């Protein structure tokens, strides 16, 4: 006999019958009841010295370059921003929560509102007169610190900055640490390289050149998201199945960000972040939250913090690339006691793990094992994951594993799918995490008629720009 689960708490007009708005959040699993875990348990799980702390170096993945984890943060900033919710609230209808970023991979964090609405992001050079006329790259190439030699610090290797040191970019979050600001800079340089290439090859200039360069840049970026990032994190078989057989859980007519994705599944990267990074050939490892890499929203002053992307991503130079940490239920100690949070703040605010878990309660997320059952996972696999999660905290019980924790445990005991081989533990997401992450990102592209998957599924990238490593290094000095 079917167990009575209770009436759905999501019975509202915006969840049934009305079209989803692309500037709001939504849900994937509307028919699964929400999970609840006592906050004291979540605080215990995420505390310093608790079972989620990695006291030693748990080891690196074999196949995921560490730069891919930070690229995932950049992608997050491109598609989602919730500036209105807190831990001390309940979000029963995410359709009422505004997403302040466009939920498409359109690089609005790079281009802002474009050269007409935000001309200060773009080159405004003019050909010598008389009469003086706009040059071919006016309103086309994006500005960097190299275009502002009087700027403080090391402008030739930095973003364009105002006199108070703040970066002049489409999304200020992309200056919150040195790694993410250097990704922003690398993609700006890539756009400018594409614009120069199209001008030289096709003679384009002005508005026509801007539109062509933006599309070319964006489509190559989207290609890298699908064919590098998703295959690394979710597994090539998962990506190929979605592209070839269609999506099963991410449905709708317009692109939107589900809370199962933004609040839980896409936060998997927190487990993969190392606390030290070597960002230059033969350079010393630098603390992620140290003076060189951790100081955001300020000019680049230390040459040791200039990121050489050949060190953090696979590129044609074939260097010894630093790998990401294994994906499992462990986080570095600094992430459980965030150094940039006020020391007087409550413990729950200083632990990234606890913050993630509490947000699961806030957004009424279903339990991980119930989602696993809904997507067809076997009872044997679900038991493995539940047992692993209960190793972290036995008070969770036989049911009710918070979705974020379930996804980490699943990566640890099942792992990322591989072609013609068994899944590889700790290398990437397991079935639930991979399904949510890959279906949402591919769905965002398929539902966007300006993306390569929405506009031209026969498009393929230029060979010299066809990987993330090539894209971020082709214009690197």
Protein backbone atom coordinates (compact mmCIF):
# COMPACT_ATOMS: atom_id res chain seq x y z
CA UNK A 1 0.00 0.00 0.00
CA UNK A 2 1.33 3.44 -0.91
CA UNK A 3 2.36 5.49 2.08
CA UNK A 4 0.48 8.76 2.45
CA UNK A 5 3.07 11.53 2.18
CA UNK A 6 0.84 14.50 3.02
CA UNK A 7 -0.46 17.33 0.88
CA UNK A 8 2.12 19.15 -1.22
CA UNK A 9 3.24 22.41 0.41
CA UNK A 10 3.87 23.78 -3.07
CA UNK A 11 0.21 24.02 -4.11
CA UNK A 12 0.24 27.54 -5.54
CA UNK A 13 -0.73 29.00 -8.88
CA UNK A 14 2.85 29.82 -9.80
CA UNK A 15 3.82 26.17 -9.38
CA UNK A 16 0.87 24.65 -11.25
CA UNK A 17 -0.39 25.84 -14.61
CA UNK A 18 1.36 29.18 -14.94
CA UNK A 19 4.58 29.43 -16.99
CA UNK A 20 7.84 29.70 -15.05
CA UNK A 21 9.47 33.15 -15.18
CA UNK A 22 13.12 33.22 -16.19
CA UNK A 23 13.94 35.90 -13.60
CA UNK A 24 12.72 33.73 -10.71
CA UNK A 25 13.88 30.54 -9.05
CA UNK A 26 11.83 27.33 -9.21
CA UNK A 27 11.75 23.63 -8.25
CA UNK A 28 12.57 20.39 -10.03
CA UNK A 29 10.79 17.96 -7.68
CA UNK A 30 7.50 19.60 -6.80
CA UNK A 31 5.83 16.35 -5.74
CA UNK A 32 8.44 15.27 -3.18
CA UNK A 33 7.78 16.61 0.34
CA UNK A 34 10.43 18.78 1.98
CA UNK A 35 13.00 17.39 4.36
CA UNK A 36 13.73 18.90 7.77
CA UNK A 37 16.76 18.39 9.97
CA UNK A 38 17.08 19.98 13.40
CA UNK A 39 19.44 22.98 13.14
CA UNK A 40 21.54 21.74 16.08
CA UNK A 41 22.39 18.63 14.07
CA UNK A 42 23.38 20.72 11.06
CA UNK A 43 25.57 22.95 13.23
CA UNK A 44 27.24 19.86 14.70
CA UNK A 45 27.86 18.38 11.24
CA UNK A 46 29.58 21.54 10.00
CA UNK A 47 31.59 22.51 13.07
CA UNK A 48 35.37 22.83 13.19
CA UNK A 49 36.76 19.52 14.44
CA UNK A 50 33.60 17.67 13.40
CA UNK A 51 33.25 14.75 11.05
CA UNK A 52 33.26 16.93 7.92
CA UNK A 53 36.62 18.51 8.68
CA UNK A 54 39.55 17.22 6.67
CA UNK A 55 42.40 17.33 9.24
CA UNK A 56 44.95 16.15 6.70
CA UNK A 57 45.20 16.48 2.94
CA UNK A 58 42.60 13.92 1.80
CA UNK A 59 44.26 13.72 -1.60
CA UNK A 60 43.71 15.12 -5.04
CA UNK A 61 41.64 13.82 -7.93
CA UNK A 62 43.41 12.12 -10.80
CA UNK A 63 41.57 13.88 -13.61
CA UNK A 64 40.10 17.25 -12.55
CA UNK A 65 42.39 20.31 -12.83
CA UNK A 66 41.93 22.67 -9.92
CA UNK A 67 41.18 25.58 -12.25
CA UNK A 68 37.97 23.81 -13.25
CA UNK A 69 36.58 24.24 -9.72
CA UNK A 70 37.07 28.00 -9.82
CA UNK A 71 35.65 28.09 -13.35
CA UNK A 72 32.54 26.52 -11.82
CA UNK A 73 32.32 29.51 -9.48
CA UNK A 74 32.54 31.83 -12.48
CA UNK A 75 29.69 29.92 -14.19
CA UNK A 76 27.60 30.24 -11.02
CA UNK A 77 28.07 34.02 -11.07
CA UNK A 78 26.99 34.05 -14.72
CA UNK A 79 23.61 32.43 -14.08
CA UNK A 80 22.41 33.06 -10.53
CA UNK A 81 22.27 35.68 -7.78
CA UNK A 82 19.86 35.55 -4.83
CA UNK A 83 20.21 38.74 -2.81
CA UNK A 84 17.02 38.52 -0.76
CA UNK A 85 16.83 35.32 1.33
CA UNK A 86 18.40 34.55 4.71
CA UNK A 87 18.82 31.52 6.98
CA UNK A 88 16.07 32.84 9.24
CA UNK A 89 13.21 32.47 6.78
CA UNK A 90 11.21 29.85 4.90
CA UNK A 91 10.97 29.86 1.12
CA UNK A 92 7.95 27.78 0.18
CA UNK A 93 7.60 29.34 -3.27
CA UNK A 94 10.96 30.07 -4.92
CA UNK A 95 9.00 31.57 -7.82
CA UNK A 96 8.72 34.67 -5.65
CA UNK A 97 12.52 35.00 -5.28
CA UNK A 98 14.20 37.19 -7.89
CA UNK A 99 17.27 35.89 -9.71
CA UNK A 100 19.34 39.01 -10.35
CA UNK A 101 21.38 37.37 -13.10
CA UNK A 102 20.05 36.15 -16.42
CA UNK A 103 19.64 32.35 -16.09
CA UNK A 104 21.45 31.73 -19.36
CA UNK A 105 25.15 31.29 -19.98
CA UNK A 106 25.34 34.59 -21.87
CA UNK A 107 28.38 36.12 -20.12
CA UNK A 108 26.44 39.12 -18.86
CA UNK A 109 29.00 39.12 -16.04
CA UNK A 110 31.52 40.06 -18.75
CA UNK A 111 29.48 42.27 -21.06
CA UNK A 112 27.19 43.90 -18.53
CA UNK A 113 24.33 45.60 -20.36
CA UNK A 114 26.43 46.12 -23.49
CA UNK A 115 28.32 49.03 -25.05
CA UNK A 116 25.31 51.34 -25.37
CA UNK A 117 24.08 51.04 -21.77
CA UNK A 118 27.51 50.67 -20.15
CA UNK A 119 30.01 52.31 -22.51
CA UNK A 120 32.59 52.66 -19.73
CA UNK A 121 33.29 48.92 -20.00
CA UNK A 122 34.38 49.27 -23.62
CA UNK A 123 37.06 50.81 -25.79
CA UNK A 124 36.01 54.22 -27.17
CA UNK A 125 39.02 54.96 -29.37
CA UNK A 126 38.61 57.21 -32.38
CA UNK A 127 40.52 57.34 -35.63
CA UNK A 128 42.61 60.51 -36.06
CA UNK A 129 40.75 63.29 -37.84
CA UNK A 130 39.62 65.55 -39.11
CA UNK A 131 36.92 64.45 -39.16
CA UNK A 132 37.36 62.28 -36.07
CA UNK A 133 35.43 59.02 -36.36
CA UNK A 134 35.09 55.95 -34.14
CA UNK A 135 37.87 53.42 -34.65
CA UNK A 136 37.07 49.82 -35.66
CA UNK A 137 37.17 48.60 -32.04
CA UNK A 138 35.19 51.45 -30.45
CA UNK A 139 32.36 49.86 -28.49
CA UNK A 140 33.83 46.43 -29.28
CA UNK A 141 36.86 45.58 -27.18
CA UNK A 142 36.48 45.43 -23.42
CA UNK A 143 38.79 47.49 -21.24
CA UNK A 144 41.31 46.04 -18.77
CA UNK A 145 43.82 47.58 -16.41
CA UNK A 146 46.31 47.62 -19.30
CA UNK A 147 44.15 50.38 -20.84
CA UNK A 148 44.56 52.47 -17.67
CA UNK A 149 48.33 52.66 -17.03
CA UNK A 150 47.90 55.19 -14.19
CA UNK A 151 45.88 52.63 -12.23
CA UNK A 152 47.29 51.48 -8.87
CA UNK A 153 49.09 48.16 -8.59
CA UNK A 154 50.04 46.08 -11.64
CA UNK A 155 47.45 47.29 -14.18
CA UNK A 156 48.77 45.29 -17.14
CA UNK A 157 47.78 42.08 -15.33
CA UNK A 158 44.60 43.32 -13.66
CA UNK A 159 41.01 44.26 -14.32
CA UNK A 160 40.07 47.86 -15.06
CA UNK A 161 39.62 49.64 -11.72
CA UNK A 162 38.20 52.91 -10.45
CA UNK A 163 40.25 55.24 -8.21
CA UNK A 164 38.86 53.52 -5.10
CA UNK A 165 40.25 50.19 -6.34
CA UNK A 166 36.95 48.54 -7.23
CA UNK A 167 36.86 46.57 -10.48
CA UNK A 168 34.74 48.05 -13.28
CA UNK A 169 33.10 44.82 -14.46
CA UNK A 170 29.67 43.37 -15.17
CA UNK A 171 29.41 41.46 -11.85
CA UNK A 172 31.32 42.73 -8.80
CA UNK A 173 31.41 39.20 -7.31
CA UNK A 174 34.02 38.31 -9.93
CA UNK A 175 36.52 40.33 -7.95
CA UNK A 176 35.95 38.65 -4.58
CA UNK A 177 39.23 36.69 -4.75
CA UNK A 178 42.25 36.78 -7.03
CA UNK A 179 41.54 33.50 -8.81
CA UNK A 180 38.03 34.53 -9.92
CA UNK A 181 39.21 38.02 -10.93
CA UNK A 182 41.92 36.44 -13.08
CA UNK A 183 39.29 34.24 -14.79
CA UNK A 184 37.28 37.39 -15.50
CA UNK A 185 40.38 39.02 -16.95
CA UNK A 186 41.23 35.95 -19.08
CA UNK A 187 37.76 35.86 -20.65
CA UNK A 188 37.84 39.61 -21.33
CA UNK A 189 41.18 39.08 -23.06
CA UNK A 190 39.69 36.18 -25.01
CA UNK A 191 36.83 38.37 -26.25
CA UNK A 192 39.33 41.02 -27.36
CA UNK A 193 41.41 38.35 -29.13
CA UNK A 194 38.30 37.07 -30.91
CA UNK A 195 37.39 40.62 -31.95
CA UNK A 196 40.87 41.21 -33.33
CA UNK A 197 40.78 37.88 -35.18
CA UNK A 198 37.39 38.57 -36.79
CA UNK A 199 38.46 42.09 -37.76
CA UNK A 200 41.64 40.78 -39.39
CA UNK A 201 39.93 37.84 -41.14
CA UNK A 202 36.59 39.33 -42.15
CA UNK A 203 37.10 43.10 -42.01
CA UNK A 204 34.32 43.59 -39.48
CA UNK A 205 34.22 46.70 -37.30
CA UNK A 206 31.92 48.61 -34.95
CA UNK A 207 28.54 47.17 -34.03
CA UNK A 208 28.79 44.25 -36.48
CA UNK A 209 32.16 43.27 -35.02
CA UNK A 210 30.88 43.51 -31.45
CA UNK A 211 27.88 41.25 -32.14
CA UNK A 212 29.98 38.70 -34.02
CA UNK A 213 32.74 38.68 -31.40
CA UNK A 214 30.29 38.39 -28.52
CA UNK A 215 28.52 35.43 -30.10
CA UNK A 216 31.78 33.70 -30.98
CA UNK A 217 33.18 34.25 -27.49
CA UNK A 218 29.97 33.16 -25.76
CA UNK A 219 29.52 30.03 -27.83
CA UNK A 220 33.12 28.92 -27.23
CA UNK A 221 32.60 29.52 -23.51
CA UNK A 222 29.37 27.49 -23.59
CA UNK A 223 31.14 24.70 -25.45
CA UNK A 224 33.78 24.59 -22.71
CA UNK A 225 31.09 24.48 -20.02
CA UNK A 226 29.47 21.42 -21.62
CA UNK A 227 32.46 19.56 -23.00
CA UNK A 228 35.08 20.34 -20.35
CA UNK A 229 33.38 21.38 -17.11
CA UNK A 230 30.35 19.05 -17.21
CA UNK A 231 32.32 16.05 -18.45
CA UNK A 232 34.89 16.58 -15.68
CA UNK A 233 32.33 17.03 -12.92
CA UNK A 234 29.40 14.86 -14.05
CA UNK A 235 31.00 12.31 -16.36
CA UNK A 236 30.99 12.01 -20.12
CA UNK A 237 28.30 9.25 -20.20
CA UNK A 238 25.88 11.48 -18.28
CA UNK A 239 26.45 14.44 -20.62
CA UNK A 240 26.11 12.29 -23.74
CA UNK A 241 22.91 10.66 -22.48
CA UNK A 242 21.26 14.04 -21.82
CA UNK A 243 22.33 15.43 -25.18
CA UNK A 244 21.26 12.28 -27.02
CA UNK A 245 18.17 11.15 -25.11
CA UNK A 246 16.84 14.36 -23.60
CA UNK A 247 16.33 15.73 -20.11
CA UNK A 248 14.20 13.90 -17.54
CA UNK A 249 13.90 16.21 -14.53
CA UNK A 250 14.65 19.74 -15.80
CA UNK A 251 11.51 20.65 -17.71
CA UNK A 252 9.71 23.79 -18.78
CA UNK A 253 9.52 26.25 -21.64
CA UNK A 254 11.85 28.95 -20.32
CA UNK A 255 15.24 28.70 -18.62
CA UNK A 256 15.15 29.05 -14.85
CA UNK A 257 17.34 28.16 -11.86
CA UNK A 258 15.95 25.37 -9.60
CA UNK A 259 16.66 25.61 -5.88
CA UNK A 260 17.77 21.97 -5.80
CA UNK A 261 20.58 23.11 -8.10
CA UNK A 262 21.51 26.48 -6.60
CA UNK A 263 21.10 25.63 -2.90
CA UNK A 264 22.51 22.07 -2.92
CA UNK A 265 23.78 20.28 -6.01
CA UNK A 266 25.92 23.07 -7.45
CA UNK A 267 27.66 23.61 -4.13
CA UNK A 268 29.59 20.35 -4.58
CA UNK A 269 32.74 22.31 -5.44
CA UNK A 270 33.22 23.37 -1.82
CA UNK A 271 34.58 19.88 -1.15
CA UNK A 272 37.11 20.18 -4.01
CA UNK A 273 38.80 23.44 -3.02
CA UNK A 274 42.39 23.14 -1.80
CA UNK A 275 43.65 25.67 0.70
CA UNK A 276 46.96 26.13 -1.13
CA UNK A 277 47.52 26.72 -4.84
CA UNK A 278 50.61 27.00 -7.02
CA UNK A 279 49.56 29.52 -9.65
CA UNK A 280 52.91 30.06 -11.39
CA UNK A 281 55.55 27.70 -12.77
CA UNK A 282 58.04 26.88 -10.01
CA UNK A 283 56.17 29.27 -7.70
CA UNK A 284 55.48 28.72 -4.04
CA UNK A 285 52.05 27.38 -3.03
CA UNK A 286 49.89 30.27 -1.86
CA UNK A 287 47.15 30.24 0.76
CA UNK A 288 43.72 30.57 -0.84
CA UNK A 289 42.62 33.02 1.84
CA UNK A 290 46.07 34.56 2.23
CA UNK A 291 47.32 38.01 1.32
CA UNK A 292 48.16 37.13 -2.30
CA UNK A 293 45.03 35.24 -3.41
CA UNK A 294 42.42 36.05 -0.79
CA UNK A 295 42.33 39.82 -0.96
CA UNK A 296 39.42 40.71 -3.23
CA UNK A 297 38.02 44.07 -4.32
CA UNK A 298 41.49 45.65 -4.43
CA UNK A 299 44.12 46.27 -7.12
CA UNK A 300 46.57 43.51 -7.92
CA UNK A 301 49.79 44.52 -6.15
CA UNK A 302 51.77 41.31 -5.81
CA UNK A 303 53.21 39.75 -9.00
CA UNK A 304 53.09 36.35 -7.26
CA UNK A 305 49.27 36.48 -7.53
CA UNK A 306 49.20 36.67 -11.33
CA UNK A 307 47.65 33.37 -12.41
CA UNK A 308 49.30 31.36 -15.16
CA UNK A 309 46.42 29.26 -16.42
CA UNK A 310 48.80 26.67 -17.88
CA UNK A 311 49.40 25.69 -14.23
CA UNK A 312 45.73 25.23 -13.30
CA UNK A 313 44.16 23.81 -16.49
CA UNK A 314 45.09 21.27 -19.15
CA UNK A 315 46.55 23.17 -22.12
CA UNK A 316 48.71 22.35 -25.16
CA UNK A 317 51.81 23.10 -23.03
CA UNK A 318 51.19 19.82 -21.15
CA UNK A 319 52.50 21.03 -17.83
CA UNK A 320 52.17 19.21 -14.50
CA UNK A 321 48.77 20.69 -13.69
CA UNK A 322 47.57 20.95 -10.11
CA UNK A 323 44.51 18.80 -9.42
CA UNK A 324 41.38 19.54 -7.40
CA UNK A 325 40.72 17.92 -4.03
CA UNK A 326 38.66 14.72 -4.07
CA UNK A 327 34.89 15.19 -4.00
CA UNK A 328 33.63 13.68 -0.76
CA UNK A 329 32.12 14.54 2.63
CA UNK A 330 35.26 16.38 3.81
CA UNK A 331 36.00 20.11 3.63
CA UNK A 332 39.15 22.01 4.49
CA UNK A 333 39.25 23.45 8.01
CA UNK A 334 39.29 27.05 6.75
CA UNK A 335 35.93 26.46 5.07
CA UNK A 336 34.44 25.45 8.41
CA UNK A 337 35.76 28.61 10.05
CA UNK A 338 35.75 31.18 7.26
CA UNK A 339 38.50 33.72 7.96
CA UNK A 340 36.66 36.63 6.34
CA UNK A 341 33.62 36.31 8.65
CA UNK A 342 33.52 38.38 11.85
CA UNK A 343 35.07 36.19 14.59
CA UNK A 344 32.24 37.26 16.90
CA UNK A 345 29.60 35.88 14.52
CA UNK A 346 27.71 32.70 15.50
CA UNK A 347 29.42 29.43 14.54
CA UNK A 348 26.68 28.60 12.04
CA UNK A 349 27.58 31.70 10.01
CA UNK A 350 31.29 30.92 9.93
CA UNK A 351 31.00 27.34 8.61
CA UNK A 352 30.39 26.99 4.88
CA UNK A 353 29.11 23.46 5.46
CA UNK A 354 26.55 24.55 8.06
CA UNK A 355 25.45 27.47 5.90
CA UNK A 356 24.80 25.09 3.00
CA UNK A 357 22.87 22.66 5.19
CA UNK A 358 20.73 25.35 6.83
CA UNK A 359 19.76 26.72 3.42
CA UNK A 360 18.37 23.29 2.60
CA UNK A 361 15.89 23.72 5.45
CA UNK A 362 15.14 27.31 4.40
CA UNK A 363 14.26 26.31 0.84
CA UNK A 364 12.29 23.18 1.83
CA UNK A 365 14.54 20.89 -0.20
CA UNK A 366 13.60 17.21 -0.39
CA UNK A 367 15.80 14.56 1.20
CA UNK A 368 18.54 13.29 -1.05
CA UNK A 369 17.45 9.65 -0.93
CA UNK A 370 13.91 10.57 -2.03
CA UNK A 371 15.25 12.37 -5.08
CA UNK A 372 17.49 9.37 -5.78
CA UNK A 373 14.44 7.12 -5.69
CA UNK A 374 12.56 9.48 -8.01
CA UNK A 375 15.28 9.39 -10.68
CA UNK A 376 15.48 5.59 -10.56
CA UNK A 377 18.52 4.88 -8.40
CA UNK A 378 18.75 1.35 -7.01
CA UNK A 379 17.98 0.61 -3.38
CA UNK A 380 21.51 -0.79 -3.00
CA UNK A 381 23.14 2.44 -4.15
CA UNK A 382 20.83 4.57 -2.03
CA UNK A 383 21.69 2.49 1.05
CA UNK A 384 25.43 2.98 0.42
CA UNK A 385 24.97 6.73 0.32
CA UNK A 386 22.67 6.89 3.33
CA UNK A 387 25.12 4.78 5.34
CA UNK A 388 27.97 7.13 4.39
CA UNK A 389 25.92 10.19 5.37
CA UNK A 390 25.10 8.58 8.70
CA UNK A 391 28.83 8.07 9.25
CA UNK A 392 29.01 11.86 9.24
CA UNK A 393 26.20 12.12 11.76
CA UNK A 394 24.13 9.17 12.98
CA UNK A 395 21.34 11.44 14.23
CA UNK A 396 20.15 11.86 10.65
CA UNK A 397 18.34 8.55 10.91
CA UNK A 398 17.28 6.11 8.23
CA UNK A 399 15.59 8.82 6.15
CA UNK A 400 16.01 12.52 5.68
CA UNK A 401 19.58 13.07 4.45
CA UNK A 402 20.01 16.77 3.54
CA UNK A 403 20.39 17.00 -0.23
CA UNK A 404 23.80 18.70 -0.21
CA UNK A 405 25.26 16.12 2.16
CA UNK A 406 23.69 13.27 0.17
CA UNK A 407 25.35 14.56 -3.01
CA UNK A 408 28.78 14.70 -1.35
CA UNK A 409 28.35 11.22 0.16
CA UNK A 410 27.21 9.87 -3.19
CA UNK A 411 30.36 11.24 -4.86
CA UNK A 412 32.46 9.52 -2.21
CA UNK A 413 30.92 6.03 -2.33
CA UNK A 414 29.68 5.85 -5.96
CA UNK A 415 31.48 8.57 -7.89
CA UNK A 416 31.57 9.88 -11.43
CA UNK A 417 30.43 7.75 -14.36
CA UNK A 418 33.04 6.69 -16.94
CA UNK A 419 32.75 5.23 -20.41
CA UNK A 420 33.02 1.43 -20.44
CA UNK A 421 34.32 1.40 -16.87
CA UNK A 422 33.00 1.45 -13.35
CA UNK A 423 32.31 4.83 -11.79
CA UNK A 424 35.35 6.47 -10.19
CA UNK A 425 34.88 7.39 -6.52
CA UNK A 426 35.84 10.91 -5.48
CA UNK A 427 36.51 12.12 -9.03
CA UNK A 428 33.17 13.81 -9.58
CA UNK A 429 29.44 13.72 -8.96
CA UNK A 430 27.40 10.56 -8.55
CA UNK A 431 24.00 9.92 -10.20
CA UNK A 432 21.82 12.42 -8.29
CA UNK A 433 24.32 15.26 -8.29
CA UNK A 434 25.33 14.69 -11.91
CA UNK A 435 21.73 14.50 -13.08
CA UNK A 436 20.75 17.78 -11.45
CA UNK A 437 23.86 19.72 -12.44
CA UNK A 438 24.15 18.47 -16.01
CA UNK A 439 20.44 18.65 -16.83
CA UNK A 440 20.08 22.18 -15.50
CA UNK A 441 23.12 23.57 -17.33
CA UNK A 442 22.32 21.79 -20.59
CA UNK A 443 18.68 22.80 -20.18
CA UNK A 444 19.64 26.46 -19.75
CA UNK A 445 21.45 26.26 -23.08
CA UNK A 446 18.77 24.30 -24.92
CA UNK A 447 16.06 26.72 -23.79
CA UNK A 448 18.05 29.78 -24.88
CA UNK A 449 17.60 30.51 -28.59
CA UNK A 450 20.80 32.59 -28.55
CA UNK A 451 23.06 29.74 -27.33
CA UNK A 452 24.81 27.28 -29.59
CA UNK A 453 22.57 24.43 -28.39
CA UNK A 454 19.45 26.55 -28.84
CA UNK A 455 20.35 28.23 -32.14
CA UNK A 456 22.69 25.87 -34.04
CA UNK A 457 23.29 22.37 -32.73
CA UNK A 458 25.60 21.70 -35.69
CA UNK A 459 28.03 24.43 -34.61
CA UNK A 460 31.51 23.39 -33.51
CA UNK A 461 34.35 25.50 -32.11
CA UNK A 462 37.55 26.59 -33.79
CA UNK A 463 40.32 24.14 -32.99
CA UNK A 464 42.54 26.80 -31.45
CA UNK A 465 39.77 27.73 -28.96
CA UNK A 466 38.04 24.37 -28.41
CA UNK A 467 38.95 23.72 -24.75
CA UNK A 468 38.78 25.79 -21.61
CA UNK A 469 42.54 25.63 -21.30
CA UNK A 470 43.00 27.09 -24.77
CA UNK A 471 40.31 29.71 -24.23
CA UNK A 472 41.89 31.10 -21.05
CA UNK A 473 45.47 31.04 -22.33
CA UNK A 474 45.24 32.09 -26.00
CA UNK A 475 45.54 35.78 -25.08
CA UNK A 476 47.58 35.31 -21.90
CA UNK A 477 50.81 37.38 -22.13
